[in-house]
Amino acid sequence: MPVAACPRCGHRLNGATNADPREDEAPDPGDLTVCASCEAFLTYGPDMGLVALSKREVAELLPAERTNLVRARDLVRLAKRIPDLPRPAGRAREDR
């Protein structure tokens, strides 16, 4: 998976975890995700770059998609509170 920067905070995301174990792990264009740093709701664009979802776009998601996105964000928040888990590093000077 190529490294992609969050369009909201610039955090460089270099991995993905699929919430549905029945599907392959690699994301596809149009798949939803959450920034591990700022918790923004994102989607993968046609070039696999990340695109921030607007409030309207989130509201227009299917209920199950919106529920899964909120659950993913809640897991990111929970992971930040667990002391021994690796944390996303701040943006390096060259990433700005």
PDB file of N, CA and C in Angstrom:
ATOM      1  N   MET A   1       0.848  -1.178   0.000  1.00  0.00           N
ATOM      2  CA  MET A   1       0.000   0.000   0.000  1.00  0.00           C
ATOM      3  C   MET A   1       0.891   1.238   0.000  1.00  0.00           C
ATOM      4  N   PRO A   2       0.647   2.177  -0.912  1.00  0.00           N
ATOM      5  CA  PRO A   2       1.460   3.390  -0.928  1.00  0.00           C
ATOM      6  C   PRO A   2       1.149   4.285   0.275  1.00  0.00           C
ATOM      7  N   VAL A   3       2.127   5.060   0.669  1.00  0.00           N
ATOM      8  CA  VAL A   3       1.931   6.014   1.755  1.00  0.00           C
ATOM      9  C   VAL A   3       1.036   7.135   1.243  1.00  0.00           C
ATOM     10  N   ALA A   4       0.054   7.518   2.040  1.00  0.00           N
ATOM     11  CA  ALA A   4      -0.852   8.612   1.681  1.00  0.00           C
ATOM     12  C   ALA A   4      -0.967   9.541   2.878  1.00  0.00           C
ATOM     13  N   ALA A   5      -1.016  10.834   2.613  1.00  0.00           N
ATOM     14  CA  ALA A   5      -1.137  11.825   3.688  1.00  0.00           C
ATOM     15  C   ALA A   5      -2.599  12.163   3.932  1.00  0.00           C
ATOM     16  N   CYS A   6      -2.954  12.286   5.202  1.00  0.00           N
ATOM     17  CA  CYS A   6      -4.297  12.726   5.565  1.00  0.00           C
ATOM     18  C   CYS A   6      -4.466  14.162   5.080  1.00  0.00           C
ATOM     19  N   PRO A   7      -5.535  14.450   4.334  1.00  0.00           N
ATOM     20  CA  PRO A   7      -5.732  15.814   3.842  1.00  0.00           C
ATOM     21  C   PRO A   7      -6.105  16.812   4.933  1.00  0.00           C
ATOM     22  N   ARG A   8      -6.488  16.325   6.108  1.00  0.00           N
ATOM     23  CA  ARG A   8      -6.850  17.228   7.202  1.00  0.00           C
ATOM     24  C   ARG A   8      -5.639  17.614   8.057  1.00  0.00           C
ATOM     25  N   CYS A   9      -4.802  16.616   8.421  1.00  0.00           N
ATOM     26  CA  CYS A   9      -3.708  16.906   9.354  1.00  0.00           C
ATOM     27  C   CYS A   9      -2.320  16.646   8.772  1.00  0.00           C
ATOM     28  N   GLY A  10      -2.255  15.993   7.605  1.00  0.00           N
ATOM     29  CA  GLY A  10      -0.971  15.717   6.985  1.00  0.00           C
ATOM     30  C   GLY A  10      -0.276  14.467   7.484  1.00  0.00           C
ATOM     31  N   HIS A  11      -0.864  13.780   8.462  1.00  0.00           N
ATOM     32  CA  HIS A  11      -0.247  12.554   8.978  1.00  0.00           C
ATOM     33  C   HIS A  11      -0.107  11.555   7.840  1.00  0.00           C
ATOM     34  N   ARG A  12       1.061  10.940   7.756  1.00  0.00           N
ATOM     35  CA  ARG A  12       1.334   9.984   6.686  1.00  0.00           C
ATOM     36  C   ARG A  12       0.876   8.591   7.114  1.00  0.00           C
ATOM     37  N   LEU A  13      -0.120   8.078   6.405  1.00  0.00           N
ATOM     38  CA  LEU A  13      -0.687   6.773   6.697  1.00  0.00           C
ATOM     39  C   LEU A  13      -0.055   5.760   5.748  1.00  0.00           C
ATOM     40  N   ASN A  14       0.513   4.700   6.310  1.00  0.00           N
ATOM     41  CA  ASN A  14       1.211   3.719   5.484  1.00  0.00           C
ATOM     42  C   ASN A  14       0.691   2.302   5.671  1.00  0.00           C
ATOM     43  N   GLY A  15      -0.514   2.180   6.173  1.00  0.00           N
ATOM     44  CA  GLY A  15      -1.090   0.858   6.385  1.00  0.00           C
ATOM     45  C   GLY A  15      -2.593   0.963   6.535  1.00  0.00           C
ATOM     46  N   ALA A  16      -3.250  -0.168   6.459  1.00  0.00           N
ATOM     47  CA  ALA A  16      -4.703  -0.209   6.610  1.00  0.00           C
ATOM     48  C   ALA A  16      -5.090  -1.551   7.205  1.00  0.00           C
ATOM     49  N   THR A  17      -6.150  -1.561   7.976  1.00  0.00           N
ATOM     50  CA  THR A  17      -6.708  -2.783   8.532  1.00  0.00           C
ATOM     51  C   THR A  17      -8.147  -2.870   8.082  1.00  0.00           C
ATOM     52  N   ASN A  18      -8.525  -3.992   7.515  1.00  0.00           N
ATOM     53  CA  ASN A  18      -9.886  -4.169   7.037  1.00  0.00           C
ATOM     54  C   ASN A  18     -10.775  -4.562   8.201  1.00  0.00           C
ATOM     55  N   ALA A  19     -11.892  -3.877   8.346  1.00  0.00           N
ATOM     56  CA  ALA A  19     -12.827  -4.174   9.432  1.00  0.00           C
ATOM     57  C   ALA A  19     -13.636  -5.432   9.154  1.00  0.00           C
ATOM     58  N   ASP A  20     -13.684  -5.865   7.907  1.00  0.00           N
ATOM     59  CA  ASP A  20     -14.454  -7.054   7.541  1.00  0.00           C
ATOM     60  C   ASP A  20     -13.491  -8.181   7.205  1.00  0.00           C
ATOM     61  N   PRO A  21     -13.371  -9.191   8.066  1.00  0.00           N
ATOM     62  CA  PRO A  21     -12.414 -10.270   7.833  1.00  0.00           C
ATOM     63  C   PRO A  21     -12.728 -11.114   6.605  1.00  0.00           C
ATOM     64  N   ARG A  22     -13.917 -10.970   6.028  1.00  0.00           N
ATOM     65  CA  ARG A  22     -14.274 -11.735   4.829  1.00  0.00           C
ATOM     66  C   ARG A  22     -13.682 -11.127   3.564  1.00  0.00           C
ATOM     67  N   GLU A  23     -13.186  -9.917   3.655  1.00  0.00           N
ATOM     68  CA  GLU A  23     -12.624  -9.243   2.487  1.00  0.00           C
ATOM     69  C   GLU A  23     -11.111  -9.205   2.590  1.00  0.00           C
ATOM     70  N   ASP A  24     -10.463  -8.986   1.438  1.00  0.00           N
ATOM     71  CA  ASP A  24      -9.004  -8.872   1.464  1.00  0.00           C
ATOM     72  C   ASP A  24      -8.613  -7.609   2.228  1.00  0.00           C
ATOM     73  N   GLU A  25      -7.377  -7.556   2.657  1.00  0.00           N
ATOM     74  CA  GLU A  25      -6.947  -6.439   3.501  1.00  0.00           C
ATOM     75  C   GLU A  25      -6.629  -5.168   2.731  1.00  0.00           C
ATOM     76  N   ALA A  26      -6.255  -5.274   1.478  1.00  0.00           N
ATOM     77  CA  ALA A  26      -5.854  -4.090   0.728  1.00  0.00           C
ATOM     78  C   ALA A  26      -7.068  -3.217   0.405  1.00  0.00           C
ATOM     79  N   PRO A  27      -6.979  -1.920   0.684  1.00  0.00           N
ATOM     80  CA  PRO A  27      -8.099  -1.043   0.354  1.00  0.00           C
ATOM     81  C   PRO A  27      -8.197  -0.825  -1.157  1.00  0.00           C
ATOM     82  N   ASP A  28      -9.378  -0.466  -1.589  1.00  0.00           N
ATOM     83  CA  ASP A  28      -9.655  -0.144  -2.985  1.00  0.00           C
ATOM     84  C   ASP A  28     -10.168   1.286  -3.064  1.00  0.00           C
ATOM     85  N   PRO A  29     -10.083   1.906  -4.246  1.00  0.00           N
ATOM     86  CA  PRO A  29     -10.673   3.237  -4.399  1.00  0.00           C
ATOM     87  C   PRO A  29     -12.139   3.216  -3.952  1.00  0.00           C
ATOM     88  N   GLY A  30     -12.523   4.235  -3.195  1.00  0.00           N
ATOM     89  CA  GLY A  30     -13.889   4.323  -2.689  1.00  0.00           C
ATOM     90  C   GLY A  30     -14.069   3.746  -1.300  1.00  0.00           C
ATOM     91  N   ASP A  31     -13.099   2.952  -0.826  1.00  0.00           N
ATOM     92  CA  ASP A  31     -13.192   2.418   0.532  1.00  0.00           C
ATOM     93  C   ASP A  31     -13.058   3.549   1.548  1.00  0.00           C
ATOM     94  N   LEU A  32     -13.670   3.350   2.700  1.00  0.00           N
ATOM     95  CA  LEU A  32     -13.648   4.348   3.776  1.00  0.00           C
ATOM     96  C   LEU A  32     -12.561   4.012   4.779  1.00  0.00           C
ATOM     97  N   THR A  33     -12.062   5.047   5.458  1.00  0.00           N
ATOM     98  CA  THR A  33     -11.056   4.852   6.502  1.00  0.00           C
ATOM     99  C   THR A  33     -11.108   6.026   7.475  1.00  0.00           C
ATOM    100  N   VAL A  34     -10.320   5.922   8.531  1.00  0.00           N
ATOM    101  CA  VAL A  34     -10.229   6.958   9.553  1.00  0.00           C
ATOM    102  C   VAL A  34      -8.757   7.282   9.763  1.00  0.00           C
ATOM    103  N   CYS A  35      -8.414   8.553   9.851  1.00  0.00           N
ATOM    104  CA  CYS A  35      -7.035   8.943  10.133  1.00  0.00           C
ATOM    105  C   CYS A  35      -6.682   8.518  11.552  1.00  0.00           C
ATOM    106  N   ALA A  36      -5.540   7.856  11.693  1.00  0.00           N
ATOM    107  CA  ALA A  36      -5.086   7.384  13.001  1.00  0.00           C
ATOM    108  C   ALA A  36      -4.601   8.518  13.881  1.00  0.00           C
ATOM    109  N   SER A  37      -4.421   9.701  13.313  1.00  0.00           N
ATOM    110  CA  SER A  37      -3.933  10.827  14.098  1.00  0.00           C
ATOM    111  C   SER A  37      -5.066  11.786  14.473  1.00  0.00           C
ATOM    112  N   CYS A  38      -5.749  12.355  13.462  1.00  0.00           N
ATOM    113  CA  CYS A  38      -6.777  13.376  13.744  1.00  0.00           C
ATOM    114  C   CYS A  38      -8.199  12.815  13.750  1.00  0.00           C
ATOM    115  N   GLU A  39      -8.356  11.534  13.390  1.00  0.00           N
ATOM    116  CA  GLU A  39      -9.640  10.837  13.408  1.00  0.00           C
ATOM    117  C   GLU A  39     -10.613  11.317  12.331  1.00  0.00           C
ATOM    118  N   ALA A  40     -10.093  11.973  11.295  1.00  0.00           N
ATOM    119  CA  ALA A  40     -10.949  12.427  10.194  1.00  0.00           C
ATOM    120  C   ALA A  40     -11.504  11.231   9.435  1.00  0.00           C
ATOM    121  N   PHE A  41     -12.728  11.388   8.941  1.00  0.00           N
ATOM    122  CA  PHE A  41     -13.323  10.378   8.075  1.00  0.00           C
ATOM    123  C   PHE A  41     -12.802  10.610   6.663  1.00  0.00           C
ATOM    124  N   LEU A  42     -12.277   9.554   6.043  1.00  0.00           N
ATOM    125  CA  LEU A  42     -11.614   9.664   4.744  1.00  0.00           C
ATOM    126  C   LEU A  42     -12.105   8.575   3.797  1.00  0.00           C
ATOM    127  N   THR A  43     -11.838   8.795   2.531  1.00  0.00           N
ATOM    128  CA  THR A  43     -12.060   7.773   1.516  1.00  0.00           C
ATOM    129  C   THR A  43     -10.836   7.724   0.615  1.00  0.00           C
ATOM    130  N   TYR A  44     -10.605   6.572   0.016  1.00  0.00           N
ATOM    131  CA  TYR A  44      -9.508   6.434  -0.936  1.00  0.00           C
ATOM    132  C   TYR A  44      -9.991   6.914  -2.295  1.00  0.00           C
ATOM    133  N   GLY A  45      -9.238   7.814  -2.907  1.00  0.00           N
ATOM    134  CA  GLY A  45      -9.570   8.311  -4.235  1.00  0.00           C
ATOM    135  C   GLY A  45      -9.141   7.340  -5.318  1.00  0.00           C
ATOM    136  N   PRO A  46      -9.396   7.677  -6.586  1.00  0.00           N
ATOM    137  CA  PRO A  46      -9.047   6.797  -7.702  1.00  0.00           C
ATOM    138  C   PRO A  46      -7.558   6.461  -7.768  1.00  0.00           C
ATOM    139  N   ASP A  47      -6.713   7.390  -7.308  1.00  0.00           N
ATOM    140  CA  ASP A  47      -5.259   7.165  -7.313  1.00  0.00           C
ATOM    141  C   ASP A  47      -4.759   6.641  -5.975  1.00  0.00           C
ATOM    142  N   MET A  48      -5.688   6.249  -5.099  1.00  0.00           N
ATOM    143  CA  MET A  48      -5.412   5.750  -3.749  1.00  0.00           C
ATOM    144  C   MET A  48      -4.920   6.842  -2.807  1.00  0.00           C
ATOM    145  N   GLY A  49      -5.014   8.092  -3.221  1.00  0.00           N
ATOM    146  CA  GLY A  49      -4.782   9.194  -2.300  1.00  0.00           C
ATOM    147  C   GLY A  49      -5.996   9.321  -1.386  1.00  0.00           C
ATOM    148  N   LEU A  50      -5.825   9.955  -0.251  1.00  0.00           N
ATOM    149  CA  LEU A  50      -6.917  10.099   0.709  1.00  0.00           C
ATOM    150  C   LEU A  50      -7.673  11.398   0.482  1.00  0.00           C
ATOM    151  N   VAL A  51      -8.991  11.320   0.609  1.00  0.00           N
ATOM    152  CA  VAL A  51      -9.878  12.459   0.426  1.00  0.00           C
ATOM    153  C   VAL A  51     -10.744  12.573   1.669  1.00  0.00           C
ATOM    154  N   ALA A  52     -10.801  13.760   2.267  1.00  0.00           N
ATOM    155  CA  ALA A  52     -11.636  13.965   3.454  1.00  0.00           C
ATOM    156  C   ALA A  52     -13.111  13.974   3.059  1.00  0.00           C
ATOM    157  N   LEU A  53     -13.930  13.333   3.869  1.00  0.00           N
ATOM    158  CA  LEU A  53     -15.374  13.341   3.649  1.00  0.00           C
ATOM    159  C   LEU A  53     -15.979  14.565   4.312  1.00  0.00           C
ATOM    160  N   SER A  54     -16.879  15.229   3.622  1.00  0.00           N
ATOM    161  CA  SER A  54     -17.605  16.350   4.208  1.00  0.00           C
ATOM    162  C   SER A  54     -18.698  15.800   5.134  1.00  0.00           C
ATOM    163  N   LYS A  55     -19.244  16.664   5.964  1.00  0.00           N
ATOM    164  CA  LYS A  55     -20.346  16.229   6.838  1.00  0.00           C
ATOM    165  C   LYS A  55     -21.513  15.714   6.003  1.00  0.00           C
ATOM    166  N   ARG A  56     -21.752  16.363   4.870  1.00  0.00           N
ATOM    167  CA  ARG A  56     -22.845  15.933   3.998  1.00  0.00           C
ATOM    168  C   ARG A  56     -22.571  14.539   3.437  1.00  0.00           C
ATOM    169  N   GLU A  57     -21.334  14.295   3.000  1.00  0.00           N
ATOM    170  CA  GLU A  57     -20.987  12.975   2.466  1.00  0.00           C
ATOM    171  C   GLU A  57     -21.134  11.892   3.533  1.00  0.00           C
ATOM    172  N   VAL A  58     -20.750  12.200   4.756  1.00  0.00           N
ATOM    173  CA  VAL A  58     -20.911  11.230   5.854  1.00  0.00           C
ATOM    174  C   VAL A  58     -22.399  10.965   6.075  1.00  0.00           C
ATOM    175  N   ALA A  59     -23.208  12.017   6.055  1.00  0.00           N
ATOM    176  CA  ALA A  59     -24.650  11.861   6.267  1.00  0.00           C
ATOM    177  C   ALA A  59     -25.298  11.046   5.146  1.00  0.00           C
ATOM    178  N   GLU A  60     -24.729  11.093   3.942  1.00  0.00           N
ATOM    179  CA  GLU A  60     -25.301  10.387   2.801  1.00  0.00           C
ATOM    180  C   GLU A  60     -24.841   8.926   2.693  1.00  0.00           C
ATOM    181  N   LEU A  61     -23.927   8.502   3.562  1.00  0.00           N
ATOM    182  CA  LEU A  61     -23.492   7.106   3.552  1.00  0.00           C
ATOM    183  C   LEU A  61     -24.647   6.188   3.941  1.00  0.00           C
ATOM    184  N   LEU A  62     -24.578   4.959   3.501  1.00  0.00           N
ATOM    185  CA  LEU A  62     -25.551   3.971   3.969  1.00  0.00           C
ATOM    186  C   LEU A  62     -25.419   3.849   5.480  1.00  0.00           C
ATOM    187  N   PRO A  63     -26.505   3.586   6.200  1.00  0.00           N
ATOM    188  CA  PRO A  63     -26.413   3.499   7.655  1.00  0.00           C
ATOM    189  C   PRO A  63     -25.328   2.543   8.149  1.00  0.00           C
ATOM    190  N   ALA A  64     -25.185   1.384   7.523  1.00  0.00           N
ATOM    191  CA  ALA A  64     -24.163   0.431   7.962  1.00  0.00           C
ATOM    192  C   ALA A  64     -22.762   0.982   7.734  1.00  0.00           C
ATOM    193  N   GLU A  65     -22.550   1.698   6.619  1.00  0.00           N
ATOM    194  CA  GLU A  65     -21.238   2.297   6.359  1.00  0.00           C
ATOM    195  C   GLU A  65     -20.909   3.355   7.402  1.00  0.00           C
ATOM    196  N   ARG A  66     -21.893   4.199   7.709  1.00  0.00           N
ATOM    197  CA  ARG A  66     -21.687   5.253   8.705  1.00  0.00           C
ATOM    198  C   ARG A  66     -21.413   4.648  10.076  1.00  0.00           C
ATOM    199  N   THR A  67     -22.153   3.601  10.440  1.00  0.00           N
ATOM    200  CA  THR A  67     -21.941   2.928  11.719  1.00  0.00           C
ATOM    201  C   THR A  67     -20.532   2.352  11.796  1.00  0.00           C
ATOM    202  N   ASN A  68     -20.087   1.691  10.723  1.00  0.00           N
ATOM    203  CA  ASN A  68     -18.741   1.109  10.722  1.00  0.00           C
ATOM    204  C   ASN A  68     -17.663   2.182  10.801  1.00  0.00           C
ATOM    205  N   LEU A  69     -17.878   3.314  10.146  1.00  0.00           N
ATOM    206  CA  LEU A  69     -16.910   4.404  10.184  1.00  0.00           C
ATOM    207  C   LEU A  69     -16.800   4.984  11.598  1.00  0.00           C
ATOM    208  N   VAL A  70     -17.931   5.166  12.256  1.00  0.00           N
ATOM    209  CA  VAL A  70     -17.932   5.677  13.630  1.00  0.00           C
ATOM    210  C   VAL A  70     -17.276   4.663  14.570  1.00  0.00           C
ATOM    211  N   ARG A  71     -17.536   3.394  14.369  1.00  0.00           N
ATOM    212  CA  ARG A  71     -16.898   2.359  15.199  1.00  0.00           C
ATOM    213  C   ARG A  71     -15.387   2.361  14.994  1.00  0.00           C
ATOM    214  N   ALA A  72     -14.957   2.527  13.757  1.00  0.00           N
ATOM    215  CA  ALA A  72     -13.513   2.578  13.481  1.00  0.00           C
ATOM    216  C   ALA A  72     -12.887   3.777  14.185  1.00  0.00           C
ATOM    217  N   ARG A  73     -13.558   4.919  14.137  1.00  0.00           N
ATOM    218  CA  ARG A  73     -13.052   6.106  14.832  1.00  0.00           C
ATOM    219  C   ARG A  73     -12.992   5.854  16.339  1.00  0.00           C
ATOM    220  N   ASP A  74     -14.003   5.193  16.884  1.00  0.00           N
ATOM    221  CA  ASP A  74     -14.003   4.890  18.316  1.00  0.00           C
ATOM    222  C   ASP A  74     -12.844   3.979  18.687  1.00  0.00           C
ATOM    223  N   LEU A  75     -12.508   3.021  17.811  1.00  0.00           N
ATOM    224  CA  LEU A  75     -11.362   2.148  18.068  1.00  0.00           C
ATOM    225  C   LEU A  75     -10.048   2.921  18.017  1.00  0.00           C
ATOM    226  N   VAL A  76      -9.943   3.872  17.107  1.00  0.00           N
ATOM    227  CA  VAL A  76      -8.742   4.724  17.054  1.00  0.00           C
ATOM    228  C   VAL A  76      -8.616   5.495  18.366  1.00  0.00           C
ATOM    229  N   ARG A  77      -9.719   6.055  18.830  1.00  0.00           N
ATOM    230  CA  ARG A  77      -9.699   6.797  20.104  1.00  0.00           C
ATOM    231  C   ARG A  77      -9.307   5.892  21.265  1.00  0.00           C
ATOM    232  N   LEU A  78      -9.853   4.692  21.289  1.00  0.00           N
ATOM    233  CA  LEU A  78      -9.532   3.743  22.351  1.00  0.00           C
ATOM    234  C   LEU A  78      -8.049   3.373  22.307  1.00  0.00           C
ATOM    235  N   ALA A  79      -7.529   3.113  21.126  1.00  0.00           N
ATOM    236  CA  ALA A  79      -6.122   2.732  20.989  1.00  0.00           C
ATOM    237  C   ALA A  79      -5.199   3.836  21.502  1.00  0.00           C
ATOM    238  N   LYS A  80      -5.596   5.075  21.350  1.00  0.00           N
ATOM    239  CA  LYS A  80      -4.769   6.197  21.825  1.00  0.00           C
ATOM    240  C   LYS A  80      -4.685   6.216  23.349  1.00  0.00           C
ATOM    241  N   ARG A  81      -5.673   5.617  24.024  1.00  0.00           N
ATOM    242  CA  ARG A  81      -5.689   5.632  25.491  1.00  0.00           C
ATOM    243  C   ARG A  81      -4.956   4.447  26.102  1.00  0.00           C
ATOM    244  N   ILE A  82      -4.614   3.443  25.300  1.00  0.00           N
ATOM    245  CA  ILE A  82      -3.904   2.269  25.810  1.00  0.00           C
ATOM    246  C   ILE A  82      -2.417   2.598  25.824  1.00  0.00           C
ATOM    247  N   PRO A  83      -1.761   2.531  26.991  1.00  0.00           N
ATOM    248  CA  PRO A  83      -0.400   3.061  27.139  1.00  0.00           C
ATOM    249  C   PRO A  83       0.681   2.451  26.260  1.00  0.00           C
ATOM    250  N   ASP A  84       0.673   1.170  25.998  1.00  0.00           N
ATOM    251  CA  ASP A  84       1.807   0.548  25.318  1.00  0.00           C
ATOM    252  C   ASP A  84       1.631   0.385  23.812  1.00  0.00           C
ATOM    253  N   LEU A  85       0.583   0.941  23.236  1.00  0.00           N
ATOM    254  CA  LEU A  85       0.410   0.840  21.798  1.00  0.00           C
ATOM    255  C   LEU A  85       1.219   1.938  21.102  1.00  0.00           C
ATOM    256  N   PRO A  86       1.774   1.633  19.937  1.00  0.00           N
ATOM    257  CA  PRO A  86       2.502   2.670  19.202  1.00  0.00           C
ATOM    258  C   PRO A  86       1.557   3.800  18.817  1.00  0.00           C
ATOM    259  N   ARG A  87       2.028   4.998  18.886  1.00  0.00           N
ATOM    260  CA  ARG A  87       1.240   6.181  18.545  1.00  0.00           C
ATOM    261  C   ARG A  87       1.699   6.727  17.205  1.00  0.00           C
ATOM    262  N   PRO A  88       0.787   7.321  16.452  1.00  0.00           N
ATOM    263  CA  PRO A  88       1.222   7.986  15.233  1.00  0.00           C
ATOM    264  C   PRO A  88       2.167   9.129  15.591  1.00  0.00           C
ATOM    265  N   ALA A  89       3.283   9.182  14.903  1.00  0.00           N
ATOM    266  CA  ALA A  89       4.241  10.267  15.148  1.00  0.00           C
ATOM    267  C   ALA A  89       3.723  11.535  14.514  1.00  0.00           C
ATOM    268  N   GLY A  90       4.131  12.671  15.042  1.00  0.00           N
ATOM    269  CA  GLY A  90       3.787  13.946  14.433  1.00  0.00           C
ATOM    270  C   GLY A  90       4.449  14.056  13.072  1.00  0.00           C
ATOM    271  N   ARG A  91       3.980  14.977  12.312  1.00  0.00           N
ATOM    272  CA  ARG A  91       4.554  15.143  10.979  1.00  0.00           C
ATOM    273  C   ARG A  91       6.015  15.537  11.093  1.00  0.00           C
ATOM    274  N   ALA A  92       6.839  14.871  10.321  1.00  0.00           N
ATOM    275  CA  ALA A  92       8.239  15.252  10.247  1.00  0.00           C
ATOM    276  C   ALA A  92       8.362  16.557   9.479  1.00  0.00           C
ATOM    277  N   ARG A  93       9.399  17.296   9.737  1.00  0.00           N
ATOM    278  CA  ARG A  93       9.571  18.594   9.099  1.00  0.00           C
ATOM    279  C   ARG A  93       9.507  18.483   7.575  1.00  0.00           C
ATOM    280  N   GLU A  94      10.082  17.410   6.989  1.00  0.00           N
ATOM    281  CA  GLU A  94      10.069  17.268   5.536  1.00  0.00           C
ATOM    282  C   GLU A  94       8.698  16.914   4.997  1.00  0.00           C
ATOM    283  N   ASP A  95       7.749  16.502   5.854  1.00  0.00           N
ATOM    284  CA  ASP A  95       6.404  16.166   5.401  1.00  0.00           C
ATOM    285  C   ASP A  95       5.503  17.388   5.323  1.00  0.00           C
ATOM    286  N   ARG A  96       5.924  18.501   5.812  1.00  0.00           N
ATOM    287  CA  ARG A  96       5.061  19.687   5.855  1.00  0.00           C
ATOM    288  C   ARG A  96       5.040  20.414   4.556  1.00  0.00           C
TER     289      ARG A  96
END
